[in-house]
Protein backbone atom coordinates (compact mmCIF):
# COMPACT_ATOMS: atom_id res chain seq x y z
CA MET A 1 1.96 -24.98 -39.83
CA VAL A 2 -0.38 -27.76 -38.61
CA ASP A 3 0.48 -26.90 -34.99
CA VAL A 4 -0.43 -23.30 -35.54
CA LEU A 5 -3.84 -24.26 -37.10
CA VAL A 6 -4.57 -26.63 -34.15
CA ALA A 7 -3.70 -23.85 -31.70
CA GLU A 8 -5.99 -21.46 -33.56
CA ARG A 9 -8.87 -23.91 -33.38
CA THR A 10 -8.44 -24.38 -29.63
CA LYS A 11 -8.61 -20.69 -28.87
CA PRO A 12 -12.13 -19.73 -27.85
CA GLU A 13 -13.63 -16.50 -29.00
CA VAL A 14 -13.21 -14.04 -26.15
CA PRO A 15 -16.41 -12.03 -25.54
CA GLN A 16 -16.04 -8.27 -25.57
CA ALA A 17 -17.60 -8.21 -22.11
CA ILE A 18 -14.64 -10.19 -20.76
CA ARG A 19 -12.09 -7.87 -22.38
CA THR A 20 -13.92 -4.79 -21.04
CA GLY A 21 -14.21 -6.39 -17.60
CA LEU A 22 -10.48 -7.08 -17.48
CA ARG A 23 -9.79 -3.43 -18.32
CA ARG A 24 -12.04 -2.41 -15.47
CA SER A 25 -10.24 -4.90 -13.23
CA ALA A 26 -6.89 -3.28 -14.06
CA VAL A 27 -8.20 0.22 -13.27
CA ALA A 28 -9.85 -1.01 -10.07
CA GLY A 29 -6.69 -2.72 -8.85
CA VAL A 30 -4.64 0.37 -9.47
CA LEU A 31 -7.27 2.67 -7.90
CA ALA A 32 -7.18 0.53 -4.76
CA GLY A 33 -3.64 1.75 -4.31
CA ALA A 34 -4.86 5.35 -4.25
CA VAL A 35 -7.48 4.44 -1.58
CA PHE A 36 -4.71 2.89 0.47
CA GLY A 37 -2.39 5.88 0.14
CA TYR A 38 -4.99 8.59 0.73
CA ALA A 39 -6.55 6.88 3.75
CA ALA A 40 -3.13 6.29 5.34
CA GLY A 41 -1.65 9.67 4.49
CA VAL A 42 -4.46 12.05 5.28
CA ILE A 43 -3.58 11.92 9.01
CA ALA A 44 -0.39 13.92 8.13
CA ALA A 45 -2.36 16.74 6.52
CA ALA A 46 -4.96 16.82 9.27
CA GLY A 47 -2.58 16.29 12.16
CA LEU A 48 -1.91 19.90 13.12
CA GLN A 49 -5.68 20.72 13.10
CA LEU A 50 -6.53 17.62 15.10
CA THR A 51 -3.86 18.42 17.66
CA SER A 52 -5.43 21.81 18.20
CA GLN A 53 -9.12 20.84 18.16
CA PHE A 54 -8.81 17.71 20.28
CA ASN A 55 -6.06 19.15 22.55
CA LEU A 56 -3.83 16.20 21.85
CA SER A 57 -0.41 15.57 23.38
CA ALA A 58 2.34 13.98 21.32
CA ALA A 59 1.34 10.58 22.69
CA GLY A 60 -2.34 11.27 21.99
CA MET A 61 -1.64 12.22 18.38
CA SER A 62 0.45 9.12 17.93
CA ILE A 63 -2.44 6.96 19.16
CA VAL A 64 -4.92 8.69 16.77
CA ALA A 65 -2.50 8.25 13.84
CA SER A 66 -1.71 4.65 14.74
CA ALA A 67 -5.36 3.57 15.17
CA LEU A 68 -5.59 2.99 11.42
CA LEU A 69 -2.50 0.81 11.59
CA LEU A 70 -4.05 -1.35 14.31
CA GLY A 71 -7.14 -1.87 12.12
CA ALA A 72 -4.91 -2.56 9.12
CA LEU A 73 -2.96 -5.21 11.09
CA VAL A 74 -6.21 -7.02 11.93
CA GLY A 75 -7.56 -6.67 8.37
CA ALA A 76 -4.40 -7.98 6.73
CA SER A 77 -4.23 -10.93 9.08
CA VAL A 78 -7.77 -12.19 8.29
CA VAL A 79 -7.65 -11.91 4.47
CA SER A 80 -6.54 -15.54 3.94
CA ARG A 81 -9.55 -16.78 5.94
CA LEU A 82 -12.02 -14.42 4.23
CA GLU A 83 -10.80 -15.44 0.77
CA ARG A 84 -11.90 -19.02 1.46
CA GLY A 85 -15.54 -17.91 1.45
CA PHE A 86 -15.60 -14.84 -0.74
CA PRO A 87 -14.18 -13.97 -4.18
CA THR A 88 -11.34 -11.49 -4.14
CA ARG A 89 -13.39 -8.98 -6.13
CA ALA A 90 -16.24 -9.05 -3.61
CA LEU A 91 -13.78 -8.84 -0.72
CA LEU A 92 -12.14 -5.77 -2.23
CA ALA A 93 -15.52 -4.08 -2.74
CA ALA A 94 -16.52 -4.84 0.86
CA ALA A 95 -13.21 -3.45 2.13
CA ALA A 96 -13.71 -0.27 0.16
CA MET A 97 -17.16 0.17 1.65
CA VAL A 98 -15.85 -0.39 5.16
CA ALA A 99 -13.03 2.14 4.62
CA GLY A 100 -15.42 4.69 3.01
CA SER A 101 -17.99 4.32 5.75
CA GLY A 102 -15.29 4.75 8.40
CA ALA A 103 -14.06 7.90 6.68
CA LEU A 104 -17.51 9.46 6.59
CA LEU A 105 -18.05 8.64 10.26
CA SER A 106 -14.67 10.08 11.18
CA ALA A 107 -15.64 13.33 9.50
CA LEU A 108 -18.70 13.62 11.79
CA VAL A 109 -16.86 13.03 15.11
CA PRO A 110 -17.55 15.83 17.63
CA ALA A 111 -14.53 17.88 18.56
CA GLY A 112 -12.99 16.44 21.69
CA ALA A 113 -14.39 12.90 21.26
CA VAL A 114 -10.98 11.33 20.88
CA ASP A 115 -12.20 7.81 21.63
CA VAL A 116 -14.79 7.98 18.85
CA LEU A 117 -12.17 9.35 16.44
CA ILE A 118 -9.85 6.45 17.28
CA ALA A 119 -12.64 3.91 16.73
CA THR A 120 -13.44 5.28 13.27
CA ARG A 121 -9.77 5.25 12.35
CA VAL A 122 -9.59 1.59 13.35
CA LEU A 123 -12.55 0.88 11.09
CA ILE A 124 -10.89 2.60 8.10
CA GLY A 125 -7.71 0.71 8.85
CA PHE A 126 -9.51 -2.62 8.79
CA GLY A 127 -10.66 -1.92 5.20
CA VAL A 128 -7.23 -0.68 4.18
CA GLY A 129 -5.52 -3.74 5.64
CA ILE A 130 -7.71 -6.03 3.52
CA ILE A 131 -7.01 -3.85 0.45
CA SER A 132 -3.26 -3.98 1.05
CA VAL A 133 -3.30 -7.76 0.66
CA ALA A 134 -6.19 -8.41 -1.72
CA ALA A 135 -5.61 -5.63 -4.28
CA PRO A 136 -2.13 -6.62 -5.44
CA ARG A 137 -3.26 -10.24 -5.67
CA TYR A 138 -6.39 -9.25 -7.66
CA LEU A 139 -4.35 -7.07 -9.95
CA SER A 140 -1.76 -9.73 -10.55
CA GLU A 141 -4.32 -12.45 -11.34
CA THR A 142 -6.30 -10.29 -13.76
CA SER A 143 -3.31 -8.94 -15.70
CA PRO A 144 -1.63 -10.51 -18.75
CA SER A 145 1.75 -12.00 -17.86
CA ALA A 146 3.55 -9.56 -20.18
CA VAL A 147 2.47 -6.52 -18.15
CA ARG A 148 1.88 -8.07 -14.75
CA GLY A 149 4.98 -6.76 -13.08
CA SER A 150 4.47 -3.18 -14.25
CA ARG A 151 0.83 -3.17 -13.21
CA VAL A 152 1.64 -4.38 -9.74
CA ALA A 153 4.37 -1.75 -9.52
CA THR A 154 1.80 0.81 -10.60
CA PHE A 155 -0.22 -0.15 -7.51
CA GLN A 156 2.78 0.99 -5.39
CA LEU A 157 2.94 4.19 -7.48
CA MET A 158 -0.74 4.90 -6.80
CA ILE A 159 -0.16 4.54 -3.04
CA CYS A 160 2.34 7.39 -3.43
CA VAL A 161 -0.19 9.37 -5.52
CA GLY A 162 -2.77 8.81 -2.74
CA PHE A 163 -0.35 10.17 -0.14
CA LEU A 164 0.30 13.23 -2.31
CA ALA A 165 -3.45 13.85 -2.81
CA SER A 166 -3.95 13.71 0.95
CA TYR A 167 -1.23 16.26 1.46
CA LEU A 168 -2.79 18.52 -1.13
CA SER A 169 -6.11 18.26 0.69
CA GLY A 170 -4.36 19.71 3.73
CA LEU A 171 -3.49 22.83 1.69
CA VAL A 172 -6.96 23.17 0.17
CA PHE A 173 -8.86 22.64 3.41
CA ALA A 174 -6.63 24.65 5.75
CA GLY A 175 -9.45 25.98 7.95
CA SER A 176 -10.07 24.88 11.49
CA ASP A 177 -12.64 22.27 10.44
CA GLY A 178 -10.88 21.33 7.23
CA TRP A 179 -9.86 17.95 8.66
CA ARG A 180 -13.53 16.80 8.36
CA LEU A 181 -13.50 17.42 4.61
CA MET A 182 -10.07 15.74 4.31
CA PHE A 183 -11.38 12.59 6.00
CA ALA A 184 -14.69 12.62 4.09
CA LEU A 185 -12.84 12.74 0.75
CA THR A 186 -11.52 9.22 1.44
CA ALA A 187 -14.98 8.01 0.53
CA VAL A 188 -14.77 9.35 -3.05
CA PRO A 189 -12.18 6.83 -4.42
CA CYS A 190 -13.86 4.12 -2.34
CA VAL A 191 -17.17 4.69 -4.15
CA LEU A 192 -15.40 4.70 -7.51
CA LEU A 193 -13.66 1.45 -6.64
CA VAL A 194 -16.89 -0.27 -5.67
CA ALA A 195 -18.49 0.93 -8.92
CA LEU A 196 -15.62 -0.39 -11.01
CA LEU A 197 -15.51 -3.75 -9.26
CA SER A 198 -19.23 -4.25 -9.75
CA ARG A 199 -18.56 -4.50 -13.51
CA ALA A 200 -15.15 -6.09 -13.42
CA VAL A 201 -14.27 -9.84 -13.61
CA ASN A 202 -13.49 -12.42 -11.01
CA THR A 203 -9.97 -13.81 -10.78
CA PRO A 204 -9.21 -17.15 -12.50
CA THR A 205 -8.77 -18.67 -9.04
CA ASP A 206 -12.28 -17.63 -7.98
CA LEU A 207 -13.81 -18.76 -11.26
CA TYR A 208 -12.24 -22.19 -10.82
CA ARG A 209 -13.39 -22.48 -7.22
CA SER A 210 -16.99 -21.56 -8.20
CA GLY A 211 -17.01 -24.12 -11.04
CA ARG A 212 -17.37 -21.57 -13.86
CA ARG A 213 -15.09 -23.42 -16.25
CA ASP A 214 -16.31 -21.79 -19.51
CA GLU A 215 -15.80 -18.27 -18.15
CA LEU A 216 -12.44 -19.37 -16.76
CA SER A 217 -11.30 -20.47 -20.21
CA GLU A 218 -12.45 -17.19 -21.75
CA VAL A 219 -10.57 -15.12 -19.13
CA VAL A 220 -7.43 -17.23 -19.48
CA ALA A 221 -7.66 -16.85 -23.30
CA ALA A 222 -7.85 -13.10 -22.91
CA LEU A 223 -4.94 -13.00 -20.49
CA GLU A 224 -2.73 -15.37 -22.52
CA PRO A 225 -3.61 -14.60 -26.20
CA ASP A 226 -0.40 -16.18 -27.49
CA ARG A 227 -0.92 -19.53 -25.81
CA ASP A 228 -3.22 -22.47 -26.33
CA ALA A 229 -6.23 -21.68 -24.12
CA SER A 230 -6.81 -25.30 -22.97
CA ALA A 231 -3.20 -25.87 -22.08
CA ALA A 232 -2.94 -22.58 -20.22
CA THR A 233 -6.13 -23.34 -18.29
CA ASP A 234 -4.93 -26.83 -17.39
CA GLU A 235 -1.64 -25.39 -16.19
CA LEU A 236 -3.46 -22.85 -14.03
CA VAL A 237 -5.72 -25.55 -12.53
CA ALA A 238 -2.73 -27.78 -11.79
CA GLY A 239 -1.07 -24.90 -9.91
CA LEU A 240 -4.27 -24.22 -7.89
CA ASN A 241 -4.48 -27.88 -6.94
CA THR A 242 -0.88 -27.87 -5.56
CA PRO A 243 -1.13 -28.68 -1.84
CA GLN A 244 -0.26 -25.76 0.39
CA LEU A 245 2.14 -26.29 3.27
CA SER A 246 0.92 -26.21 6.84
CA TRP A 247 2.05 -23.51 9.23
CA ALA A 248 4.41 -26.05 10.89
CA GLU A 249 6.02 -26.79 7.51
CA VAL A 250 6.29 -23.05 6.65
CA VAL A 251 8.28 -22.31 9.82
CA SER A 252 10.24 -25.57 9.75
CA THR A 253 14.04 -25.54 9.80
CA LYS A 254 14.12 -26.50 6.15
CA ARG A 255 12.34 -23.28 5.09
CA ARG A 256 13.31 -21.02 8.00
CA ARG A 257 16.11 -19.27 6.16
CA VAL A 258 13.92 -17.96 3.31
CA LEU A 259 11.14 -17.06 5.77
CA VAL A 260 13.50 -15.06 7.98
CA LEU A 261 14.96 -13.27 4.98
CA GLY A 262 11.47 -12.24 3.86
CA LEU A 263 10.58 -11.03 7.33
CA VAL A 264 13.86 -9.04 7.58
CA PHE A 265 12.89 -7.14 4.39
CA ALA A 266 9.28 -6.62 5.54
CA VAL A 267 10.23 -5.32 9.00
CA GLY A 268 13.35 -3.48 7.77
CA GLN A 269 11.26 -1.50 5.30
CA ILE A 270 9.39 0.08 8.21
CA LEU A 271 12.40 0.36 10.52
CA THR A 272 13.93 2.78 8.02
CA GLY A 273 11.49 5.30 9.49
CA ILE A 274 9.80 6.18 6.23
CA ASN A 275 6.21 5.90 7.48
CA ALA A 276 6.96 8.09 10.51
CA ILE A 277 8.03 10.78 8.00
CA MET A 278 5.02 10.25 5.75
CA TYR A 279 2.55 10.33 8.67
CA PHE A 280 4.10 13.13 10.68
CA ALA A 281 5.89 15.31 8.08
CA PRO A 282 4.02 18.54 9.03
CA GLN A 283 5.01 18.08 12.71
CA ILE A 284 8.64 17.44 11.64
CA PHE A 285 8.81 20.59 9.56
CA SER A 286 6.95 22.59 12.22
CA ASP A 287 9.62 21.56 14.76
CA ALA A 288 12.35 22.33 12.22
CA GLY A 289 11.29 25.94 12.04
CA PHE A 290 8.42 26.13 9.50
CA THR A 291 6.34 28.18 11.92
CA SER A 292 3.08 28.46 9.98
CA ALA A 293 0.80 25.47 9.32
CA THR A 294 0.62 26.37 5.63
CA ALA A 295 4.42 26.39 5.28
CA ALA A 296 4.62 22.95 6.95
CA ILE A 297 1.91 21.56 4.69
CA VAL A 298 3.62 22.96 1.52
CA ALA A 299 6.88 21.32 2.60
CA THR A 300 4.95 18.07 3.08
CA ILE A 301 3.47 18.38 -0.41
CA ILE A 302 6.95 18.69 -1.83
CA VAL A 303 7.81 15.43 -0.04
CA GLY A 304 4.80 13.78 -1.67
CA VAL A 305 5.80 14.95 -5.16
CA VAL A 306 9.33 13.64 -4.69
CA ASN A 307 7.92 10.35 -3.44
CA VAL A 308 5.84 9.92 -6.63
CA LEU A 309 8.63 10.94 -9.03
CA ALA A 310 11.26 8.69 -7.41
CA THR A 311 8.94 5.68 -7.67
CA PHE A 312 9.00 6.06 -11.49
CA VAL A 313 12.80 5.56 -11.25
CA ALA A 314 12.31 2.20 -9.52
CA ILE A 315 9.64 1.10 -12.05
CA ARG A 316 11.96 1.91 -14.94
CA TYR A 317 15.25 0.55 -13.64
CA ILE A 318 14.42 -2.31 -11.25
CA ASP A 319 14.77 -4.92 -14.03
CA ARG A 320 17.65 -3.17 -15.84
CA PHE A 321 19.98 -2.67 -12.85
CA GLY A 322 18.63 -5.42 -10.59
CA ARG A 323 17.36 -5.38 -7.00
CA ARG A 324 20.66 -5.41 -5.13
CA PRO A 325 22.26 -2.31 -6.69
CA LEU A 326 19.08 -0.25 -6.12
CA LEU A 327 19.00 -1.39 -2.46
CA ILE A 328 22.67 -0.58 -1.86
CA VAL A 329 22.45 2.90 -3.37
CA GLY A 330 19.12 3.70 -1.78
CA LEU A 331 20.07 2.55 1.77
CA THR A 332 23.39 4.43 1.55
CA ILE A 333 21.62 7.71 0.74
CA MET A 334 18.99 7.05 3.43
CA VAL A 335 21.69 6.54 6.13
CA ALA A 336 23.41 9.79 5.07
CA SER A 337 20.09 11.71 5.02
CA GLY A 338 18.98 10.37 8.43
CA LEU A 339 22.33 11.31 10.03
CA THR A 340 22.03 14.81 8.50
CA ILE A 341 18.59 15.34 9.98
CA ALA A 342 19.77 14.19 13.44
CA LEU A 343 22.94 16.30 13.39
CA VAL A 344 21.13 19.42 12.25
CA SER A 345 18.57 18.98 15.02
CA MET A 346 21.28 18.56 17.67
CA THR A 347 23.75 21.25 16.55
CA MET A 348 21.77 23.92 14.65
CA GLY A 349 18.45 23.92 16.46
CA THR A 350 15.44 25.14 14.46
CA GLY A 351 14.55 27.83 11.99
CA GLY A 352 16.51 29.55 9.28
CA ALA A 353 19.10 27.38 7.52
CA ALA A 354 18.37 24.43 9.79
CA GLY A 355 14.79 24.17 8.46
CA TYR A 356 15.89 24.16 4.82
CA ILE A 357 18.69 21.66 5.40
CA THR A 358 16.19 19.43 7.14
CA LEU A 359 13.79 19.72 4.18
CA VAL A 360 16.50 18.80 1.69
CA ALA A 361 17.64 15.83 3.81
CA VAL A 362 14.04 14.58 4.17
CA LEU A 363 13.53 14.87 0.41
CA MET A 364 16.72 12.86 -0.20
CA PHE A 365 15.60 10.28 2.30
CA VAL A 366 12.11 9.88 0.75
CA ALA A 367 13.51 9.77 -2.82
CA SER A 368 16.07 7.06 -1.99
CA PHE A 369 13.42 5.00 -0.19
CA ALA A 370 10.95 5.34 -3.08
CA MET A 371 13.56 3.99 -5.58
CA SER A 372 14.82 1.20 -3.34
CA MET A 373 13.32 -0.22 -0.12
CA GLY A 374 9.77 0.84 -1.01
CA PRO A 375 9.06 -1.12 -4.19
CA VAL A 376 12.02 -3.52 -4.13
CA THR A 377 11.05 -5.04 -0.78
CA TRP A 378 7.73 -6.30 -2.06
CA VAL A 379 9.22 -7.49 -5.32
CA LEU A 380 11.78 -9.53 -3.36
CA ILE A 381 9.21 -10.96 -0.99
CA GLY A 382 7.11 -12.12 -3.90
CA GLU A 383 10.14 -13.73 -5.50
CA LEU A 384 11.64 -15.30 -2.38
CA PHE A 385 8.81 -17.56 -1.32
CA PRO A 386 8.01 -20.70 -3.35
CA PRO A 387 4.34 -21.22 -4.45
CA GLU A 388 3.54 -23.84 -1.86
CA MET A 389 4.27 -21.46 1.04
CA ARG A 390 3.70 -18.06 -0.64
CA ASP A 391 0.21 -17.28 0.70
CA LYS A 392 1.03 -18.00 4.34
CA ALA A 393 4.53 -16.49 4.26
CA MET A 394 3.37 -13.31 2.55
CA SER A 395 0.50 -12.99 5.02
CA LEU A 396 2.98 -13.34 7.89
CA ALA A 397 5.36 -10.84 6.30
CA LEU A 398 2.62 -8.24 5.71
CA SER A 399 1.32 -8.68 9.30
CA ALA A 400 4.90 -8.09 10.53
CA ASN A 401 5.08 -5.04 8.33
CA TRP A 402 1.90 -3.54 9.69
CA GLY A 403 2.80 -4.48 13.27
CA THR A 404 6.20 -2.79 13.08
CA ASN A 405 4.53 0.23 11.44
CA LEU A 406 2.12 0.43 14.38
CA VAL A 407 4.84 0.29 17.04
CA LEU A 408 7.05 2.84 15.30
CA SER A 409 4.19 5.28 14.70
CA LEU A 410 3.12 5.09 18.35
CA ALA A 411 6.69 5.87 19.49
CA PHE A 412 7.73 8.53 16.98
CA LEU A 413 6.15 11.75 18.26
CA PRO A 414 6.84 11.06 21.99
CA LEU A 415 10.51 10.34 21.06
CA MET A 416 10.66 13.65 19.14
CA GLN A 417 9.47 15.43 22.33
CA ILE A 418 12.16 13.73 24.40
CA VAL A 419 14.94 14.53 21.95
């Protein structure tokens, strides 16, 4: 009883502004996933229009689509340096402004100015790359431990929602200049994200680094209501003061096994081919026999819906069944679906039954990825690396992920033409 009374006395009164700010932080972190998904996915909806208006070859369309990935690779690789000088909240807001500005500029590109379009896509990608690293970290640090996992998983879900919204924009803005409105709409969630972040809270890490100890104690008390605030704050500070390993130590023989395992998951996630499908679904369905642009976009929207729904399966069962069973089942279905798509293309040609079989196989592929390799990969990477190497190892893994994504997206459409 005495211990309980002592604990109660050590708990500071949490101001309502802190509680409200933390709620805004949660919404902002989740909304960042939608920015990520829409900005990355809108190229699929706009692809057929861009190919026509800019007279793009398969290789040219691949370069336009992959320009965002190049920017994202650069953005993701510089986050750790930028976080040394800027709070994560400010960094996220700046990244959203960069992505939104790039989107508006891309909507104004004159038809035929491919080089300008590529430059604006790189700019958008730079902002998205920063968001891809900073948003999950911000969301994790500003969420109570009891709901931290589900909130970070919701970030992945919102990426899928962003992809779906971008596909729907392709149906709504189906005119010859509709791609301009599709690109411009990227700025809408970016503006909302900046507005939310302006009234959200800084992470405990940033509060500690800036010397705001009182506010840090209030935020920790709000995040850990069932713990002694002073003890929880001291534990957090001790963790922040743990020396980080150098790059030489991270890649040393002693830690190489866990590093290689994390990189295998990060690269393997992309080598499944999922992003090629998500970026170029309309072209895939067009080649499979969906002759009208509208039919190809509708098929792509169905893919987006399945992607969202299957992600709920992973969120619900990842802790109940475990990571390994989900990966085994998901990868098995993905292999079967990929082989089906290839065999149909080689033996049945396009149109008629071949088109519908291809659609079903793509849906099975996307659903199995969304319940396995998609979310499980990042959960495993977060769990594999110990705290003293996590920042550097995760930065390396995410850079490898974006780099592989870039190479595969550049090669996909030209390979389709060859086959």
